[in-house]
Amino acid sequence: MILPLKGVRILDLTTINPFTDTEFSDYGAEVIKVERPGSGDTIRDYPPFKDGVSAYHCYTDRGKKSITLNLKADQGREILKRLVKDADVLVENFKNGTMEKMGLGFDVLSQINPKLVYGKLSSYGSTGPQKDYIAYDIAVQAQSGIMDATGEPGEEPCRVGCYVSDHLSCTYLGTAIVLALYHAKRTGRGQRVEVAMLDSVVSVMGEKVAALNCGADASRTGHLHDAYAPYDILRCQDGWVALAITEDSQWAAFCRAFGQDGWAAQYPTHESRRAAYLETLRPQLEGLLSQVTRAEFDSRCAAAGVPAGPVNTMEEAVENQHLKFRGMMPTVTDQRVGDVLTVGKAIKFDGVLTDGFTTAPLLGQNNDEILGAYYSREELAQFLADGVI
């Protein structure tokens, strides 16, 4: 197991979207989740539930520690400042200006700890006309253009079926924080780094922006590609498959694999395949594949070096042997509900494919451990009585 962030302490003040610090925890950082006394982070109440416990929380908060702290109380803010002295990173995603109003902005915290890296996540950033707007993933997807690029031509726009803006922005923020940590190590100076959800989704739209440069239609094309064919999702005997031909040699190999050498001669180029695809070639492919199972299609394409594969259901994806081998479908043994299926780490180090993930914390589980390093038992008891922790 490779833990490159071992020894790094992170204060996680994020709510609802704590995935940045999930990755940090996965790679060895000590992540201290700072939560509201009594209720904790909203993610704890986020569906779906297993035996009354949020399965999503089990995933996003795995390996973290939890303390409770009332940041609306003067004493709560003073406690956070003491923690900042020994922290490497603080991450938050409050509404713009919230930390500053509490006297906990980067300008204040960097005076306490000049090496502190302060990570800020928001819907639209801290500058610009929409900086104070609040949005969730669906609104961000809508404004980014990605919905217009998703779905069938002439039909309604379509949301990408996962929280793409949440995960993209958190991954970008994780990268930004690691870069800032490297800078702090070299210079002794931390900095504030910021990532907006909208910026993150727009950053993956380069292909569509390039089309606009050329005067092309950048709207949705369904499963089809603007330049290549067949690049599509097609029905097989027992389900659906994806086929992506981007080279003439791949097309020739596909035709040989399925005993259709005549098609290679009839449609030798991208242009000829595109021109004939919807009216002629696609119906021919559908007729061919109606006699082929997904497994047969997959094995023949793999042997021929053709980019293709079955369209898996989520249930099939989690049972995929390759993903299991790669450690992408592990379980976390949660201390409340036992084994919970989760997703693994996409980044691999030196062939290390398996990792052990530890449970998500109970609310305030680590108050004594973390805060006890700074305050006596009597002080902690008083904080609890006063609603500070």
Protein backbone atom coordinates (compact mmCIF):
# COMPACT_ATOMS: atom_id res chain seq x y z
CA MET A 1 0.00 0.00 0.00
CA ILE A 2 1.41 3.41 -1.02
CA LEU A 3 0.51 6.34 1.25
CA PRO A 4 2.29 9.42 -0.17
CA LEU A 5 0.31 11.86 2.01
CA LYS A 6 1.10 10.16 5.31
CA GLY A 7 1.92 12.84 7.87
CA VAL A 8 -0.23 15.50 6.20
CA ARG A 9 -3.03 16.86 8.42
CA ILE A 10 -6.18 18.18 6.74
CA LEU A 11 -9.10 20.02 8.30
CA ASP A 12 -12.19 19.09 6.29
CA LEU A 13 -14.94 21.70 6.70
CA THR A 14 -16.80 20.70 3.54
CA THR A 15 -20.47 19.81 3.61
CA ILE A 16 -22.47 17.56 1.23
CA ASN A 17 -19.53 17.28 -1.21
CA PRO A 18 -16.50 15.96 0.76
CA PHE A 19 -14.89 13.89 -2.02
CA THR A 20 -11.64 15.92 -2.21
CA ASP A 21 -10.76 14.85 1.30
CA THR A 22 -11.87 11.29 0.63
CA GLU A 23 -9.02 11.03 -1.86
CA PHE A 24 -6.60 12.60 0.61
CA SER A 25 -7.62 10.05 3.23
CA ASP A 26 -7.22 7.23 0.68
CA TYR A 27 -3.60 8.26 0.16
CA GLY A 28 -2.63 8.47 3.81
CA ALA A 29 -3.48 11.97 5.02
CA GLU A 30 -5.01 12.46 8.45
CA VAL A 31 -8.35 14.00 7.52
CA ILE A 32 -10.22 15.60 10.40
CA LYS A 33 -13.85 16.15 9.46
CA VAL A 34 -15.16 19.18 11.33
CA GLU A 35 -18.94 18.84 11.77
CA ARG A 36 -21.88 20.59 13.40
CA PRO A 37 -22.61 19.34 16.92
CA GLY A 38 -25.76 17.24 17.06
CA SER A 39 -26.49 16.87 13.35
CA GLY A 40 -23.13 16.66 11.59
CA ASP A 41 -22.58 17.02 7.87
CA THR A 42 -25.71 16.77 5.71
CA ILE A 43 -24.01 13.93 3.80
CA ARG A 44 -24.85 11.68 6.76
CA ASP A 45 -28.53 12.00 5.78
CA TYR A 46 -27.96 11.54 2.05
CA PRO A 47 -29.68 8.56 0.35
CA PRO A 48 -29.48 5.69 -0.34
CA PHE A 49 -29.51 4.07 3.08
CA LYS A 50 -28.40 0.69 4.36
CA ASP A 51 -30.03 -0.16 7.68
CA GLY A 52 -30.64 3.54 8.25
CA VAL A 53 -27.05 4.61 7.47
CA SER A 54 -26.17 6.62 4.36
CA ALA A 55 -24.20 4.36 2.03
CA TYR A 56 -22.89 7.47 0.25
CA HIS A 57 -21.52 8.82 3.54
CA CYS A 58 -19.83 5.45 4.15
CA TYR A 59 -18.01 5.99 0.85
CA THR A 60 -17.19 9.72 0.98
CA ASP A 61 -16.11 9.74 4.63
CA ARG A 62 -14.16 6.48 4.71
CA GLY A 63 -10.93 6.70 6.64
CA LYS A 64 -11.63 10.15 8.11
CA LYS A 65 -11.80 11.26 11.71
CA SER A 66 -14.74 13.28 13.04
CA ILE A 67 -14.85 16.11 15.54
CA THR A 68 -17.79 18.35 16.34
CA LEU A 69 -17.32 22.11 16.52
CA ASN A 70 -19.80 24.97 16.62
CA LEU A 71 -18.19 27.62 14.45
CA LYS A 72 -20.95 30.10 15.29
CA ALA A 73 -19.63 30.21 18.87
CA ASP A 74 -16.61 32.32 19.77
CA GLN A 75 -14.99 29.40 21.59
CA GLY A 76 -15.60 27.11 18.61
CA ARG A 77 -13.75 29.50 16.32
CA GLU A 78 -10.88 29.77 18.78
CA ILE A 79 -10.60 25.99 18.88
CA LEU A 80 -10.44 25.85 15.10
CA LYS A 81 -7.64 28.42 15.13
CA ARG A 82 -5.66 26.21 17.51
CA LEU A 83 -6.13 23.27 15.15
CA VAL A 84 -5.00 25.40 12.21
CA LYS A 85 -1.60 25.91 13.85
CA ASP A 86 -0.80 22.23 13.32
CA ALA A 87 -2.66 21.69 10.05
CA ASP A 88 -1.22 21.55 6.55
CA VAL A 89 -4.51 22.07 4.70
CA LEU A 90 -7.99 23.43 5.35
CA VAL A 91 -10.78 22.71 2.85
CA GLU A 92 -14.20 24.38 2.84
CA ASN A 93 -17.16 24.87 0.52
CA PHE A 94 -19.30 27.36 2.41
CA LYS A 95 -21.13 30.17 0.67
CA ASN A 96 -18.68 32.89 -0.41
CA GLY A 97 -17.79 35.18 2.48
CA THR A 98 -18.93 32.82 5.23
CA MET A 99 -15.48 32.07 6.60
CA GLU A 100 -14.48 35.73 6.35
CA LYS A 101 -17.57 36.83 8.33
CA MET A 102 -16.59 34.39 11.07
CA GLY A 103 -13.05 35.78 11.16
CA LEU A 104 -11.70 32.55 9.67
CA GLY A 105 -10.75 33.67 6.17
CA PHE A 106 -7.41 32.84 4.62
CA ASP A 107 -5.99 36.24 5.52
CA VAL A 108 -6.56 35.47 9.21
CA LEU A 109 -5.64 31.79 9.20
CA SER A 110 -2.45 32.36 7.20
CA GLN A 111 -1.24 34.69 9.94
CA ILE A 112 -1.66 31.83 12.38
CA ASN A 113 0.01 29.31 10.06
CA PRO A 114 1.93 30.81 7.11
CA LYS A 115 2.35 27.37 5.49
CA LEU A 116 -1.38 26.65 5.45
CA VAL A 117 -2.91 25.65 2.12
CA TYR A 118 -6.52 26.82 2.01
CA GLY A 119 -8.75 25.02 -0.48
CA LYS A 120 -12.02 26.64 -1.54
CA LEU A 121 -14.77 24.81 -3.49
CA SER A 122 -17.91 26.56 -4.75
CA SER A 123 -20.58 26.38 -7.42
CA TYR A 124 -19.42 29.33 -9.50
CA GLY A 125 -16.25 30.69 -7.90
CA SER A 126 -15.55 33.78 -5.81
CA THR A 127 -15.55 36.23 -8.72
CA GLY A 128 -17.92 36.95 -11.60
CA PRO A 129 -21.62 37.85 -11.94
CA GLN A 130 -22.83 34.51 -10.52
CA LYS A 131 -20.37 34.25 -7.64
CA ASP A 132 -23.10 34.37 -4.99
CA TYR A 133 -25.46 31.95 -6.72
CA ILE A 134 -25.99 28.56 -5.10
CA ALA A 135 -26.41 25.48 -7.29
CA TYR A 136 -26.35 21.72 -7.30
CA ASP A 137 -24.99 19.43 -9.96
CA ILE A 138 -27.98 19.56 -12.30
CA ALA A 139 -27.92 23.37 -12.52
CA VAL A 140 -24.16 23.39 -13.10
CA GLN A 141 -24.45 20.77 -15.83
CA ALA A 142 -27.23 22.81 -17.44
CA GLN A 143 -25.16 26.00 -17.64
CA SER A 144 -21.91 24.34 -18.72
CA GLY A 145 -23.25 23.16 -22.09
CA ILE A 146 -22.72 19.50 -21.29
CA MET A 147 -26.47 18.86 -21.21
CA ASP A 148 -26.83 20.29 -24.70
CA ALA A 149 -24.10 17.87 -25.79
CA THR A 150 -25.80 14.86 -24.16
CA GLY A 151 -28.82 13.03 -25.55
CA GLU A 152 -30.37 12.38 -28.96
CA PRO A 153 -30.55 15.06 -31.69
CA GLY A 154 -33.86 16.89 -31.70
CA GLU A 155 -34.85 15.59 -28.28
CA GLU A 156 -34.56 17.16 -24.83
CA PRO A 157 -31.15 17.81 -23.26
CA CYS A 158 -29.99 15.11 -20.87
CA ARG A 159 -28.20 15.18 -17.52
CA VAL A 160 -25.07 13.06 -17.29
CA GLY A 161 -26.19 10.25 -14.99
CA CYS A 162 -23.79 10.88 -12.11
CA TYR A 163 -22.66 13.93 -10.12
CA VAL A 164 -20.05 14.87 -12.67
CA SER A 165 -19.61 18.47 -11.49
CA ASP A 166 -19.14 17.37 -7.87
CA HIS A 167 -16.51 14.79 -8.66
CA LEU A 168 -14.65 16.79 -11.30
CA SER A 169 -14.40 19.87 -9.09
CA CYS A 170 -13.26 17.85 -6.08
CA THR A 171 -10.60 16.06 -8.11
CA TYR A 172 -9.34 19.36 -9.55
CA LEU A 173 -9.26 20.84 -6.06
CA GLY A 174 -7.28 17.88 -4.80
CA THR A 175 -4.73 18.44 -7.56
CA ALA A 176 -4.58 22.16 -6.77
CA ILE A 177 -4.00 21.51 -3.08
CA VAL A 178 -1.20 19.03 -3.74
CA LEU A 179 0.47 21.57 -6.06
CA ALA A 180 0.14 24.24 -3.38
CA LEU A 181 1.57 21.85 -0.77
CA TYR A 182 4.59 21.30 -3.00
CA HIS A 183 4.99 25.07 -3.34
CA ALA A 184 4.68 25.52 0.43
CA LYS A 185 7.33 22.88 1.04
CA ARG A 186 9.75 24.73 -1.27
CA THR A 187 8.98 28.28 -0.15
CA GLY A 188 7.49 28.02 3.32
CA ARG A 189 4.39 29.89 2.15
CA GLY A 190 0.91 28.48 1.78
CA GLN A 191 -1.80 29.95 -0.41
CA ARG A 192 -5.51 29.93 -1.15
CA VAL A 193 -6.57 27.79 -4.12
CA GLU A 194 -10.04 27.77 -5.59
CA VAL A 195 -12.08 25.51 -7.86
CA ALA A 196 -15.61 26.15 -9.14
CA MET A 197 -17.96 23.35 -10.16
CA LEU A 198 -19.01 25.18 -13.34
CA ASP A 199 -15.40 25.78 -14.40
CA SER A 200 -14.65 22.10 -13.87
CA VAL A 201 -17.40 20.84 -16.17
CA VAL A 202 -16.60 23.44 -18.84
CA SER A 203 -12.98 22.24 -18.79
CA VAL A 204 -13.98 18.90 -20.35
CA MET A 205 -15.90 20.54 -23.20
CA GLY A 206 -12.84 21.23 -25.35
CA GLU A 207 -14.03 19.07 -28.25
CA LYS A 208 -17.31 20.97 -28.49
CA VAL A 209 -15.60 24.35 -28.22
CA ALA A 210 -13.26 23.31 -31.02
CA ALA A 211 -16.30 22.53 -33.18
CA LEU A 212 -17.62 26.05 -32.63
CA ASN A 213 -14.29 27.44 -33.82
CA CYS A 214 -14.87 25.65 -37.11
CA GLY A 215 -18.48 26.72 -37.52
CA ALA A 216 -19.74 23.18 -36.85
CA ASP A 217 -22.85 22.20 -34.92
CA ALA A 218 -21.72 21.48 -31.35
CA SER A 219 -25.08 20.25 -30.08
CA ARG A 220 -25.91 16.66 -29.14
CA THR A 221 -25.32 13.83 -31.57
CA GLY A 222 -26.57 10.98 -29.40
CA HIS A 223 -24.24 8.00 -29.56
CA LEU A 224 -22.82 9.06 -32.91
CA HIS A 225 -19.55 10.85 -33.59
CA ASP A 226 -19.23 13.96 -35.72
CA ALA A 227 -16.42 12.50 -37.81
CA TYR A 228 -16.25 8.71 -37.40
CA ALA A 229 -18.52 5.74 -38.13
CA PRO A 230 -19.46 3.31 -36.82
CA TYR A 231 -19.13 5.06 -33.47
CA ASP A 232 -22.33 3.98 -31.82
CA ILE A 233 -24.27 1.85 -29.36
CA LEU A 234 -25.94 -1.09 -31.09
CA ARG A 235 -28.31 -3.85 -30.01
CA CYS A 236 -26.98 -7.41 -29.82
CA GLN A 237 -28.80 -10.68 -29.32
CA ASP A 238 -28.84 -10.26 -25.54
CA GLY A 239 -28.35 -6.54 -24.92
CA TRP A 240 -26.34 -3.55 -26.06
CA VAL A 241 -22.72 -3.04 -27.16
CA ALA A 242 -20.53 -0.05 -27.96
CA LEU A 243 -18.40 0.11 -31.11
CA ALA A 244 -15.85 2.86 -31.81
CA ILE A 245 -14.14 2.77 -35.22
CA THR A 246 -11.74 5.69 -35.69
CA GLU A 247 -9.30 4.14 -38.17
CA ASP A 248 -9.88 2.49 -41.53
CA SER A 249 -7.66 -0.37 -40.42
CA GLN A 250 -9.94 -0.96 -37.41
CA TRP A 251 -12.92 -1.19 -39.74
CA ALA A 252 -11.14 -3.74 -41.92
CA ALA A 253 -10.24 -5.78 -38.81
CA PHE A 254 -13.85 -5.65 -37.60
CA CYS A 255 -15.14 -6.85 -40.96
CA ARG A 256 -12.68 -9.77 -40.99
CA ALA A 257 -13.61 -10.72 -37.41
CA PHE A 258 -17.29 -10.97 -38.36
CA GLY A 259 -16.89 -12.47 -41.84
CA GLN A 260 -17.93 -9.33 -43.71
CA ASP A 261 -14.94 -8.59 -45.95
CA GLY A 262 -17.33 -7.15 -48.54
CA TRP A 263 -18.19 -4.31 -46.17
CA ALA A 264 -14.53 -3.34 -45.94
CA ALA A 265 -14.41 -2.93 -49.71
CA GLN A 266 -17.81 -1.22 -49.91
CA TYR A 267 -17.11 1.32 -47.13
CA PRO A 268 -13.32 1.74 -47.06
CA THR A 269 -13.11 5.30 -45.64
CA HIS A 270 -14.56 7.41 -42.86
CA GLU A 271 -16.37 9.51 -45.42
CA SER A 272 -18.03 6.55 -47.14
CA ARG A 273 -19.10 5.04 -43.82
CA ARG A 274 -20.47 8.32 -42.50
CA ALA A 275 -22.41 8.99 -45.68
CA ALA A 276 -24.07 5.58 -45.66
CA TYR A 277 -24.28 4.99 -41.93
CA LEU A 278 -27.81 5.84 -40.86
CA GLU A 279 -29.64 4.64 -43.97
CA THR A 280 -27.60 1.57 -44.93
CA LEU A 281 -24.65 0.57 -42.78
CA ARG A 282 -26.30 0.82 -39.38
CA PRO A 283 -29.22 -1.46 -40.37
CA GLN A 284 -26.70 -3.94 -41.75
CA LEU A 285 -24.76 -3.88 -38.49
CA GLU A 286 -27.93 -4.36 -36.48
CA GLY A 287 -28.86 -7.36 -38.59
CA LEU A 288 -25.43 -8.88 -38.08
CA LEU A 289 -25.31 -8.27 -34.34
CA SER A 290 -28.81 -9.61 -33.77
CA GLN A 291 -27.23 -13.04 -34.23
CA VAL A 292 -24.32 -12.35 -31.83
CA THR A 293 -24.23 -12.27 -28.04
CA ARG A 294 -22.47 -9.50 -26.15
CA ALA A 295 -19.81 -11.94 -24.99
CA GLU A 296 -19.13 -13.12 -28.55
CA PHE A 297 -19.00 -9.54 -29.79
CA ASP A 298 -16.59 -8.57 -27.02
CA SER A 299 -14.22 -11.49 -27.56
CA ARG A 300 -14.10 -11.10 -31.34
CA CYS A 301 -13.46 -7.35 -31.15
CA ALA A 302 -10.79 -7.78 -28.49
CA ALA A 303 -8.99 -10.44 -30.56
CA ALA A 304 -9.13 -8.17 -33.63
CA GLY A 305 -7.87 -5.09 -31.78
CA VAL A 306 -11.13 -3.19 -32.29
CA PRO A 307 -12.21 -0.69 -29.59
CA ALA A 308 -15.55 -2.02 -28.37
CA GLY A 309 -17.33 -3.58 -25.43
CA PRO A 310 -20.65 -4.52 -23.86
CA VAL A 311 -22.90 -1.86 -22.34
CA ASN A 312 -22.97 -3.06 -18.76
CA THR A 313 -25.73 -2.44 -16.29
CA MET A 314 -24.53 -1.09 -12.95
CA GLU A 315 -25.07 -4.55 -11.47
CA GLU A 316 -22.87 -6.04 -14.20
CA ALA A 317 -20.24 -3.32 -13.81
CA VAL A 318 -19.69 -4.02 -10.13
CA GLU A 319 -19.22 -7.70 -10.95
CA ASN A 320 -16.78 -7.00 -13.80
CA GLN A 321 -13.72 -9.18 -13.22
CA HIS A 322 -11.30 -6.64 -14.68
CA LEU A 323 -12.58 -3.88 -12.39
CA LYS A 324 -12.38 -6.24 -9.44
CA PHE A 325 -8.82 -7.17 -10.33
CA ARG A 326 -7.95 -3.48 -10.56
CA GLY A 327 -9.34 -2.89 -7.08
CA MET A 328 -12.11 -0.61 -8.32
CA MET A 329 -15.02 -2.42 -6.64
CA PRO A 330 -13.94 -2.97 -3.02
CA THR A 331 -16.02 -3.08 0.12
CA VAL A 332 -15.61 -0.94 3.21
CA THR A 333 -16.44 -2.60 6.50
CA ASP A 334 -18.50 0.06 8.23
CA GLN A 335 -18.61 -0.06 12.02
CA ARG A 336 -22.43 0.29 12.00
CA VAL A 337 -23.73 -1.80 9.07
CA GLY A 338 -20.89 -4.11 8.04
CA ASP A 339 -19.68 -4.41 4.45
CA VAL A 340 -20.66 -1.60 2.06
CA LEU A 341 -19.78 -1.77 -1.63
CA THR A 342 -17.82 1.28 -2.71
CA VAL A 343 -15.49 2.44 -5.49
CA GLY A 344 -11.72 2.19 -5.41
CA LYS A 345 -8.83 4.51 -6.19
CA ALA A 346 -8.25 5.35 -9.84
CA ILE A 347 -4.58 6.28 -9.30
CA LYS A 348 -2.23 3.31 -9.02
CA PHE A 349 1.33 3.32 -7.68
CA ASP A 350 3.93 0.86 -8.94
CA GLY A 351 1.46 -1.90 -9.67
CA VAL A 352 -0.26 -1.71 -6.28
CA LEU A 353 -3.83 -2.73 -7.06
CA THR A 354 -5.36 -3.52 -3.68
CA ASP A 355 -5.92 -1.20 -0.76
CA GLY A 356 -7.55 -1.45 2.61
CA PHE A 357 -10.20 1.15 3.33
CA THR A 358 -11.30 1.89 6.87
CA THR A 359 -14.71 2.84 8.17
CA ALA A 360 -16.38 6.25 8.13
CA PRO A 361 -16.41 7.85 11.59
CA LEU A 362 -19.30 8.26 13.96
CA LEU A 363 -20.24 11.88 14.58
CA GLY A 364 -17.67 13.33 17.00
CA GLN A 365 -15.94 9.97 17.35
CA ASN A 366 -12.50 11.59 17.57
CA ASN A 367 -13.25 14.57 19.82
CA ASP A 368 -11.21 13.18 22.70
CA GLU A 369 -8.32 12.11 20.45
CA ILE A 370 -7.97 15.35 18.49
CA LEU A 371 -9.19 18.01 20.89
CA GLY A 372 -7.74 16.21 23.89
CA ALA A 373 -4.28 17.10 22.58
CA TYR A 374 -5.09 20.77 23.22
CA TYR A 375 -7.59 20.80 26.10
CA SER A 376 -8.11 19.01 29.41
CA ARG A 377 -10.96 16.61 30.14
CA GLU A 378 -12.59 19.30 32.23
CA GLU A 379 -12.40 21.84 29.43
CA LEU A 380 -13.84 19.36 26.92
CA ALA A 381 -16.68 18.58 29.30
CA GLN A 382 -17.44 22.28 29.61
CA PHE A 383 -17.34 22.73 25.83
CA LEU A 384 -19.85 19.90 25.51
CA ALA A 385 -22.13 21.44 28.11
CA ASP A 386 -21.95 24.82 26.36
CA GLY A 387 -22.74 23.35 22.93
CA VAL A 388 -19.31 24.23 21.56
CA ILE A 389 -18.57 20.62 20.60
